Amino acid sequence: MTQSVTKPGGFAQLARTRGVPAAFILVLLAFGGFSLLLPVVPLAVLRGGGSELVAGATTGVFLTVTVLVQLLTPRITAAIGYRWVLASGSALLGLPSGLLALFDGPFAVLAVSGVRGAGFGMMTVAGSALVAELAPPGMLGRATSLIGLAVGISEAIFLPVGLWLLEVFGLATVAWGATAFGVVGLLAAARLPDVHPAPARPSDPSALGRRAMIVLLAGPFLVMVAVSLPYGAAASFLSPALDSIVSGSGAVVAGVGLGLLGVGVIVGRTFAGLVSDRRGPGALVWPGLGFSALGMAGIAGLLTLSANPWWFIAPAVVFGLGFGAVQNEALVGSFERMPRSRLGTASASWNISFDAGTGLGSVVMGAVAGFGYVVLFMVAAGVVLVVGGPAAVGARRTRPTRDLTVPHRDDKVGS
């Protein structure tokens, strides 16, 4: 097992590590552009007369393409390096977003969602892996929680901001705002050092073959699916669920709730990162699953009571705390199981589990929503327990194997 190292002022040291601030900004922008439009596009489809299935499909197509590209990103990164992958991903994710303001047909919306999904897939895998590449020894937990901080800030700010902009200014403002994220991302990518994944060594576990890697990563993968599927359901359907209680004003409350869910993610991931560096990964998997299930069940219970929409903020925050803790535990666990030459594979596995689960939460739960929103969120709570419980055993049982050698860089380092 990799020995943990506790260093005072670790986050300050990470902030001074070359390339980490730029990578942090890129992850922030990636999830910012994602969060800005995530609840907006399905709601705009529904308000435009589209069905719940089509509304869910907008997120589903986005994340299906995301997952397919994530499978290829480790190889692409090995060929051209992190800087160019992140620059390309930023362009694909951000620049086409403005087209949503020009074309409102279902096929056009799905096509734009697919292109944006390709960019998101490249940015998520390469961004997480790059921070792990650059992390000083003994600080992997805090480095991954830094990724969580970027994700959480994006969710806390841009999920509600996107819905607010939609209500006040309309879809065009939100769409062109997401395009601006892509432009800023290109500038941030130019500040990255020219880092490439480390070459494989004969002693690496990757020599055991693809099946061995699948076994090593299965536990963290399934744990993440168990919590990201309910997240996709909440992101896509909390707003229309609250609209069913207070017609026309659900988006505002849902935006605040989703934003505070993001704050919960920040707290959960940061705390889990500190615990992971001191005790090793896995200690907070079970509590995280418990909080996640409780949050979904709380939303279902309040819907049953037709409670005041503002009460829904509490279970959203509870879910966010659990979601954040599980995110960090699963990501650290994935990195720990792989050698440095396979950090891209570990990052791809984690991001695929996140995005596949979120997409399933939008598409599958869009069908479940036909039985009512109470049923939808109760099913989501059940998924956390039924899928996450058995997977948590595997997530904690596998011994970590990651080496702590220094990151690999080309001889030429960019600015």
Protein backbone atom coordinates (compact mmCIF):
# COMPACT_ATOMS: atom_id res chain seq x y z
CA MET A 1 0.00 0.00 0.00
CA THR A 2 1.25 3.44 -0.87
CA GLN A 3 2.40 5.18 2.28
CA SER A 4 0.54 8.39 2.98
CA VAL A 5 2.48 11.54 3.68
CA THR A 6 0.97 14.42 5.58
CA LYS A 7 2.37 17.83 4.76
CA PRO A 8 1.29 21.08 6.36
CA GLY A 9 0.21 23.72 3.91
CA GLY A 10 -0.33 21.09 1.25
CA PHE A 11 -2.90 23.05 -0.73
CA ALA A 12 -0.59 26.07 -0.84
CA GLN A 13 2.18 23.84 -2.17
CA LEU A 14 -0.16 22.50 -4.85
CA ALA A 15 -1.05 26.05 -5.86
CA ARG A 16 2.66 26.77 -6.37
CA THR A 17 3.26 23.60 -8.40
CA ARG A 18 3.86 24.52 -12.02
CA GLY A 19 0.90 23.77 -14.25
CA VAL A 20 -1.55 23.02 -11.43
CA PRO A 21 -3.23 26.48 -11.39
CA ALA A 22 -3.78 26.37 -15.18
CA ALA A 23 -5.10 22.81 -14.97
CA PHE A 24 -7.41 23.87 -12.14
CA ILE A 25 -8.78 26.71 -14.28
CA LEU A 26 -9.34 24.37 -17.22
CA VAL A 27 -11.29 21.88 -15.12
CA LEU A 28 -13.25 24.80 -13.65
CA LEU A 29 -14.10 26.02 -17.15
CA ALA A 30 -14.97 22.53 -18.40
CA PHE A 31 -17.45 21.89 -15.62
CA GLY A 32 -18.57 25.52 -15.72
CA GLY A 33 -19.62 25.20 -19.34
CA PHE A 34 -21.16 21.82 -18.57
CA SER A 35 -23.05 23.08 -15.50
CA LEU A 36 -24.23 26.29 -17.15
CA LEU A 37 -26.25 24.36 -19.74
CA LEU A 38 -26.91 21.05 -17.95
CA PRO A 39 -30.31 21.95 -16.41
CA VAL A 40 -31.05 24.71 -18.92
CA VAL A 41 -31.27 22.69 -22.14
CA PRO A 42 -33.72 20.03 -20.83
CA LEU A 43 -35.90 22.73 -19.25
CA ALA A 44 -35.85 24.80 -22.44
CA VAL A 45 -36.92 21.72 -24.42
CA LEU A 46 -39.79 21.03 -22.03
CA ARG A 47 -40.95 24.64 -22.03
CA GLY A 48 -40.76 24.62 -25.82
CA GLY A 49 -43.24 21.76 -25.97
CA GLY A 50 -40.82 18.83 -26.16
CA SER A 51 -41.34 15.58 -24.26
CA GLU A 52 -39.49 14.54 -21.10
CA LEU A 53 -37.80 11.78 -23.11
CA VAL A 54 -36.39 14.31 -25.60
CA ALA A 55 -35.38 16.60 -22.75
CA GLY A 56 -33.46 13.80 -21.09
CA ALA A 57 -31.95 12.78 -24.43
CA THR A 58 -30.16 16.14 -24.74
CA THR A 59 -28.06 15.26 -21.70
CA GLY A 60 -27.93 11.62 -22.73
CA VAL A 61 -26.44 12.35 -26.16
CA PHE A 62 -23.97 14.81 -24.67
CA LEU A 63 -22.72 12.24 -22.17
CA THR A 64 -22.82 9.28 -24.55
CA VAL A 65 -20.39 11.06 -26.86
CA THR A 66 -18.44 12.16 -23.78
CA VAL A 67 -17.94 8.55 -22.69
CA LEU A 68 -16.93 7.38 -26.18
CA VAL A 69 -14.31 10.12 -26.45
CA GLN A 70 -13.09 9.46 -22.90
CA LEU A 71 -12.21 5.92 -23.98
CA LEU A 72 -9.91 7.36 -26.66
CA THR A 73 -8.46 10.27 -24.72
CA PRO A 74 -5.60 8.39 -22.97
CA ARG A 75 -4.20 7.35 -26.37
CA ILE A 76 -4.69 10.81 -27.82
CA THR A 77 -2.94 12.34 -24.81
CA ALA A 78 -0.01 9.95 -25.16
CA ALA A 79 0.38 11.06 -28.77
CA ILE A 80 0.04 14.86 -28.48
CA GLY A 81 0.32 15.68 -24.77
CA TYR A 82 -1.98 17.25 -22.22
CA ARG A 83 -1.76 20.83 -23.49
CA TRP A 84 -3.12 20.12 -26.97
CA VAL A 85 -5.79 17.72 -25.72
CA LEU A 86 -7.09 20.29 -23.25
CA ALA A 87 -6.99 23.08 -25.82
CA SER A 88 -8.92 20.96 -28.33
CA GLY A 89 -11.41 19.88 -25.70
CA SER A 90 -12.00 23.46 -24.60
CA ALA A 91 -12.71 24.53 -28.18
CA LEU A 92 -15.14 21.66 -28.87
CA LEU A 93 -16.99 22.07 -25.58
CA GLY A 94 -17.33 25.83 -25.58
CA LEU A 95 -17.32 27.29 -29.08
CA PRO A 96 -20.37 25.43 -30.55
CA SER A 97 -22.57 26.29 -27.54
CA GLY A 98 -23.75 29.55 -29.09
CA LEU A 99 -25.41 27.56 -31.88
CA LEU A 100 -28.08 26.54 -29.38
CA ALA A 101 -29.29 30.13 -29.59
CA LEU A 102 -29.61 29.94 -33.38
CA PHE A 103 -31.13 26.48 -33.93
CA ASP A 104 -33.91 25.15 -31.69
CA GLY A 105 -34.94 22.01 -33.57
CA PRO A 106 -34.44 18.72 -31.71
CA PHE A 107 -31.91 17.34 -34.19
CA ALA A 108 -29.85 20.52 -34.13
CA VAL A 109 -29.85 20.61 -30.33
CA LEU A 110 -28.80 16.95 -30.16
CA ALA A 111 -26.03 17.52 -32.73
CA VAL A 112 -24.59 20.47 -30.83
CA SER A 113 -24.84 18.44 -27.61
CA GLY A 114 -22.84 15.66 -29.23
CA VAL A 115 -20.00 17.96 -30.34
CA ARG A 116 -19.87 19.58 -26.92
CA GLY A 117 -19.79 16.13 -25.34
CA ALA A 118 -16.64 15.26 -27.30
CA GLY A 119 -14.88 18.31 -25.90
CA PHE A 120 -16.08 17.59 -22.39
CA GLY A 121 -14.76 14.04 -22.62
CA MET A 122 -11.29 15.23 -23.59
CA MET A 123 -11.15 17.89 -20.88
CA THR A 124 -12.36 15.76 -18.01
CA VAL A 125 -9.97 12.88 -18.58
CA ALA A 126 -6.91 14.96 -19.43
CA GLY A 127 -7.55 17.55 -16.71
CA SER A 128 -7.84 15.04 -13.87
CA ALA A 129 -4.87 12.99 -15.07
CA LEU A 130 -2.67 16.08 -15.47
CA VAL A 131 -3.25 17.19 -11.89
CA ALA A 132 -2.37 13.66 -10.72
CA GLU A 133 0.78 13.76 -12.88
CA LEU A 134 1.86 17.04 -11.32
CA ALA A 135 0.94 16.22 -7.69
CA PRO A 136 3.92 16.01 -5.30
CA PRO A 137 4.39 12.63 -3.54
CA GLY A 138 1.99 12.04 -0.67
CA MET A 139 -0.50 14.66 -1.89
CA LEU A 140 -2.65 12.68 -4.30
CA GLY A 141 -5.73 12.93 -2.09
CA ARG A 142 -5.51 16.70 -1.85
CA ALA A 143 -4.69 16.99 -5.54
CA THR A 144 -7.83 15.08 -6.48
CA SER A 145 -9.85 17.14 -3.99
CA LEU A 146 -8.53 20.21 -5.82
CA ILE A 147 -10.23 18.82 -8.92
CA GLY A 148 -13.30 18.41 -6.76
CA LEU A 149 -13.02 22.03 -5.70
CA ALA A 150 -13.06 23.11 -9.35
CA VAL A 151 -16.05 20.86 -10.05
CA GLY A 152 -17.88 22.00 -6.93
CA ILE A 153 -17.31 25.70 -7.57
CA SER A 154 -18.60 25.25 -11.10
CA GLU A 155 -21.72 23.45 -9.91
CA ALA A 156 -22.32 25.86 -7.03
CA ILE A 157 -22.11 28.94 -9.24
CA PHE A 158 -23.09 27.98 -12.76
CA LEU A 159 -25.98 25.56 -12.19
CA PRO A 160 -28.08 28.31 -10.57
CA VAL A 161 -26.62 31.06 -12.77
CA GLY A 162 -27.60 29.18 -15.91
CA LEU A 163 -31.18 28.80 -14.74
CA TRP A 164 -31.30 32.42 -13.59
CA LEU A 165 -30.00 33.66 -16.94
CA LEU A 166 -32.58 31.52 -18.72
CA GLU A 167 -35.39 33.03 -16.66
CA VAL A 168 -34.22 36.65 -16.98
CA PHE A 169 -32.50 36.89 -20.38
CA GLY A 170 -33.43 33.73 -22.27
CA LEU A 171 -31.54 30.81 -23.77
CA ALA A 172 -29.32 32.89 -26.07
CA THR A 173 -27.49 34.55 -23.17
CA VAL A 174 -26.75 31.21 -21.53
CA ALA A 175 -25.58 29.64 -24.79
CA TRP A 176 -23.20 32.45 -25.74
CA GLY A 177 -21.94 32.55 -22.16
CA ALA A 178 -20.90 28.91 -22.52
CA THR A 179 -19.08 29.84 -25.74
CA ALA A 180 -17.08 32.42 -23.79
CA PHE A 181 -15.91 29.62 -21.47
CA GLY A 182 -14.31 27.90 -24.45
CA VAL A 183 -12.40 31.04 -25.44
CA VAL A 184 -11.01 31.50 -21.93
CA GLY A 185 -10.13 27.81 -21.85
CA LEU A 186 -7.94 28.19 -24.93
CA LEU A 187 -6.01 30.95 -23.16
CA ALA A 188 -5.57 28.82 -20.04
CA ALA A 189 -4.36 25.83 -22.07
CA ALA A 190 -1.57 27.99 -23.49
CA ARG A 191 -0.22 28.36 -19.93
CA LEU A 192 0.22 24.64 -19.38
CA PRO A 193 3.66 22.99 -19.28
CA ASP A 194 4.31 20.54 -22.10
CA VAL A 195 3.60 17.38 -20.11
CA HIS A 196 3.10 13.95 -21.63
CA PRO A 197 2.01 10.74 -19.85
CA ALA A 198 4.89 8.74 -18.42
CA PRO A 199 5.98 5.76 -20.55
CA ALA A 200 5.00 2.30 -19.35
CA ARG A 201 7.57 0.19 -17.49
CA PRO A 202 7.86 -3.62 -17.61
CA SER A 203 7.01 -3.81 -13.90
CA ASP A 204 3.79 -1.82 -14.28
CA PRO A 205 0.50 -3.62 -13.53
CA SER A 206 -0.54 -2.68 -17.06
CA ALA A 207 1.60 -5.62 -18.13
CA LEU A 208 -1.07 -7.87 -16.58
CA GLY A 209 -3.42 -6.95 -19.39
CA ARG A 210 -6.75 -5.24 -19.87
CA ARG A 211 -8.68 -7.75 -17.78
CA ALA A 212 -6.52 -7.10 -14.74
CA MET A 213 -7.04 -3.35 -15.06
CA ILE A 214 -10.81 -3.81 -15.36
CA VAL A 215 -10.80 -5.84 -12.14
CA LEU A 216 -8.71 -3.24 -10.33
CA LEU A 217 -10.95 -0.35 -11.40
CA ALA A 218 -14.34 -2.08 -11.17
CA GLY A 219 -15.07 -1.15 -7.55
CA PRO A 220 -14.46 2.61 -7.85
CA PHE A 221 -16.23 2.63 -11.23
CA LEU A 222 -19.46 1.11 -9.95
CA VAL A 223 -19.45 3.19 -6.77
CA MET A 224 -19.34 6.32 -8.93
CA VAL A 225 -22.15 5.09 -11.19
CA ALA A 226 -24.26 4.53 -8.08
CA VAL A 227 -24.08 8.21 -7.08
CA SER A 228 -23.75 9.93 -10.46
CA LEU A 229 -26.99 8.41 -11.77
CA PRO A 230 -29.05 10.14 -9.04
CA TYR A 231 -27.08 13.31 -9.72
CA GLY A 232 -28.14 13.21 -13.37
CA ALA A 233 -31.74 12.72 -12.28
CA ALA A 234 -31.57 15.70 -9.92
CA ALA A 235 -29.82 17.97 -12.42
CA SER A 236 -32.36 17.27 -15.15
CA PHE A 237 -35.60 16.85 -13.22
CA LEU A 238 -35.43 18.72 -9.91
CA SER A 239 -36.53 21.90 -11.66
CA PRO A 240 -39.59 20.42 -13.43
CA ALA A 241 -40.43 18.51 -10.23
CA LEU A 242 -40.59 21.77 -8.29
CA ASP A 243 -42.47 23.39 -11.18
CA SER A 244 -45.15 20.77 -10.55
CA ILE A 245 -45.54 22.14 -7.00
CA VAL A 246 -45.30 25.86 -7.72
CA SER A 247 -45.94 26.41 -11.42
CA GLY A 248 -43.39 28.61 -13.16
CA SER A 249 -41.07 29.27 -10.20
CA GLY A 250 -39.45 25.86 -9.74
CA ALA A 251 -36.39 26.81 -11.79
CA VAL A 252 -35.31 29.52 -9.34
CA VAL A 253 -35.51 27.28 -6.27
CA ALA A 254 -34.01 24.33 -8.14
CA GLY A 255 -31.12 26.53 -9.25
CA VAL A 256 -30.37 27.51 -5.66
CA GLY A 257 -30.70 23.90 -4.57
CA LEU A 258 -28.37 22.62 -7.28
CA GLY A 259 -25.91 25.39 -6.48
CA LEU A 260 -25.83 24.44 -2.81
CA LEU A 261 -25.54 20.82 -3.86
CA GLY A 262 -22.31 21.94 -5.50
CA VAL A 263 -21.20 23.54 -2.22
CA GLY A 264 -21.85 20.20 -0.53
CA VAL A 265 -19.68 18.51 -3.16
CA ILE A 266 -16.84 20.93 -2.38
CA VAL A 267 -17.05 20.21 1.34
CA GLY A 268 -17.40 16.46 0.84
CA ARG A 269 -14.49 16.18 -1.59
CA THR A 270 -12.16 18.44 0.39
CA PHE A 271 -12.79 16.56 3.62
CA ALA A 272 -12.42 13.21 1.85
CA GLY A 273 -9.11 14.33 0.32
CA LEU A 274 -7.67 15.21 3.73
CA VAL A 275 -8.85 11.92 5.22
CA SER A 276 -7.49 9.97 2.25
CA ASP A 277 -3.97 11.40 2.59
CA ARG A 278 -3.94 10.47 6.28
CA ARG A 279 -5.74 7.12 6.34
CA GLY A 280 -5.66 5.93 2.74
CA PRO A 281 -8.57 5.84 0.27
CA GLY A 282 -11.87 4.17 1.09
CA ALA A 283 -12.68 5.30 4.62
CA LEU A 284 -15.57 7.54 3.56
CA VAL A 285 -17.14 5.40 0.84
CA TRP A 286 -19.90 4.01 3.07
CA PRO A 287 -20.79 7.32 4.76
CA GLY A 288 -20.82 8.98 1.34
CA LEU A 289 -23.25 6.42 -0.05
CA GLY A 290 -25.46 6.81 3.02
CA PHE A 291 -25.65 10.59 2.65
CA SER A 292 -26.34 10.26 -1.08
CA ALA A 293 -29.24 7.84 -0.57
CA LEU A 294 -30.64 9.97 2.25
CA GLY A 295 -30.61 13.07 0.04
CA MET A 296 -32.54 11.39 -2.78
CA ALA A 297 -35.04 9.86 -0.35
CA GLY A 298 -35.50 13.28 1.27
CA ILE A 299 -36.41 14.86 -2.07
CA ALA A 300 -38.94 12.08 -2.72
CA GLY A 301 -40.44 12.52 0.74
CA LEU A 302 -40.86 16.28 0.35
CA LEU A 303 -42.47 15.78 -3.06
CA THR A 304 -44.95 13.40 -1.46
CA LEU A 305 -45.86 16.12 1.03
CA SER A 306 -45.92 18.84 -1.67
CA ALA A 307 -43.70 20.80 0.71
CA ASN A 308 -42.57 24.38 0.22
CA PRO A 309 -39.91 24.24 -2.54
CA TRP A 310 -37.31 25.92 -0.32
CA TRP A 311 -37.27 22.85 1.93
CA PHE A 312 -35.74 20.89 -0.93
CA ILE A 313 -32.44 22.70 -0.41
CA ALA A 314 -31.69 20.58 2.68
CA PRO A 315 -31.75 17.13 1.00
CA ALA A 316 -29.91 18.59 -2.01
CA VAL A 317 -27.04 19.65 0.28
CA VAL A 318 -27.06 16.28 2.06
CA PHE A 319 -26.79 14.52 -1.29
CA GLY A 320 -23.97 16.87 -2.32
CA LEU A 321 -21.93 16.00 0.78
CA GLY A 322 -22.20 12.29 0.07
CA PHE A 323 -21.68 12.73 -3.66
CA GLY A 324 -18.51 14.74 -3.07
CA ALA A 325 -17.05 12.24 -0.61
CA VAL A 326 -17.67 9.31 -2.96
CA GLN A 327 -16.25 11.24 -5.91
CA ASN A 328 -12.92 11.81 -4.19
CA GLU A 329 -12.67 8.33 -2.71
CA ALA A 330 -13.37 6.72 -6.08
CA LEU A 331 -10.90 8.96 -7.94
CA VAL A 332 -8.07 8.47 -5.43
CA GLY A 333 -8.81 4.75 -5.38
CA SER A 334 -8.63 4.60 -9.18
CA PHE A 335 -5.31 6.48 -9.29
CA GLU A 336 -3.83 4.37 -6.49
CA ARG A 337 -4.59 1.15 -8.35
CA MET A 338 -2.72 2.22 -11.48
CA PRO A 339 0.96 3.04 -12.13
CA ARG A 340 1.84 6.54 -13.28
CA SER A 341 1.91 5.38 -16.89
CA ARG A 342 -1.77 4.49 -16.55
CA LEU A 343 -3.05 7.63 -14.84
CA GLY A 344 -4.93 8.48 -18.03
CA THR A 345 -6.68 5.09 -17.91
CA ALA A 346 -7.63 5.63 -14.26
CA SER A 347 -8.90 9.13 -15.04
CA ALA A 348 -10.87 7.84 -18.03
CA SER A 349 -12.47 5.11 -15.93
CA TRP A 350 -13.55 7.56 -13.23
CA ASN A 351 -14.84 10.16 -15.68
CA ILE A 352 -16.70 7.55 -17.71
CA SER A 353 -18.41 6.31 -14.56
CA PHE A 354 -19.33 9.89 -13.64
CA ASP A 355 -20.65 10.84 -17.06
CA ALA A 356 -22.26 7.51 -17.94
CA GLY A 357 -24.11 7.57 -14.66
CA THR A 358 -25.17 11.19 -15.16
CA GLY A 359 -26.38 10.42 -18.67
CA LEU A 360 -28.31 7.37 -17.51
CA GLY A 361 -29.81 9.48 -14.78
CA SER A 362 -31.17 11.84 -17.42
CA VAL A 363 -32.32 9.30 -20.01
CA VAL A 364 -33.46 6.33 -17.90
CA MET A 365 -34.96 8.51 -15.21
CA GLY A 366 -36.70 10.50 -17.94
CA ALA A 367 -38.67 7.33 -18.65
CA VAL A 368 -39.22 6.65 -14.94
CA ALA A 369 -40.54 10.21 -14.56
CA GLY A 370 -43.62 9.05 -16.43
CA PHE A 371 -44.65 7.32 -13.18
CA GLY A 372 -44.20 10.55 -11.24
CA TYR A 373 -41.32 12.48 -9.74
CA VAL A 374 -41.74 10.81 -6.34
CA VAL A 375 -41.09 7.42 -7.95
CA LEU A 376 -38.13 8.87 -9.85
CA PHE A 377 -36.29 10.05 -6.75
CA MET A 378 -37.14 6.94 -4.71
CA VAL A 379 -35.70 4.79 -7.50
CA ALA A 380 -32.61 7.03 -7.49
CA ALA A 381 -32.17 6.44 -3.74
CA GLY A 382 -32.52 2.71 -4.30
CA VAL A 383 -29.84 2.74 -6.99
CA VAL A 384 -27.36 4.25 -4.54
CA LEU A 385 -27.87 1.37 -2.12
CA VAL A 386 -28.38 -1.54 -4.52
CA VAL A 387 -25.48 -0.67 -6.85
CA GLY A 388 -23.24 1.24 -4.45
CA GLY A 389 -23.39 -1.15 -1.50
CA PRO A 390 -21.85 -4.22 -3.17
CA ALA A 391 -19.47 -2.06 -5.22
CA ALA A 392 -18.16 -0.36 -2.06
CA VAL A 393 -16.79 -3.71 -0.89
CA GLY A 394 -14.63 -3.94 -4.00
CA ALA A 395 -13.72 -0.27 -3.82
CA ARG A 396 -12.09 -0.74 -0.41
CA ARG A 397 -10.71 -4.26 -0.81
CA THR A 398 -8.22 -3.85 -3.68
CA ARG A 399 -4.70 -2.89 -2.60
CA PRO A 400 -3.32 0.26 -4.26
CA THR A 401 -0.38 -0.12 -6.58
CA ARG A 402 0.44 3.37 -7.82
CA ASP A 403 4.09 4.39 -7.83
CA LEU A 404 5.16 7.83 -6.67
CA THR A 405 7.91 8.61 -9.13
CA VAL A 406 8.31 12.16 -10.39
CA PRO A 407 6.11 13.26 -13.28
CA HIS A 408 7.35 12.73 -16.81
CA ARG A 409 7.90 15.83 -18.93
CA ASP A 410 9.33 16.48 -22.33
CA ASP A 411 12.70 18.17 -22.43
CA LYS A 412 11.00 21.33 -23.69
CA VAL A 413 8.62 22.83 -21.18
CA GLY A 414 6.14 25.41 -22.35
CA SER A 415 5.16 28.55 -20.54
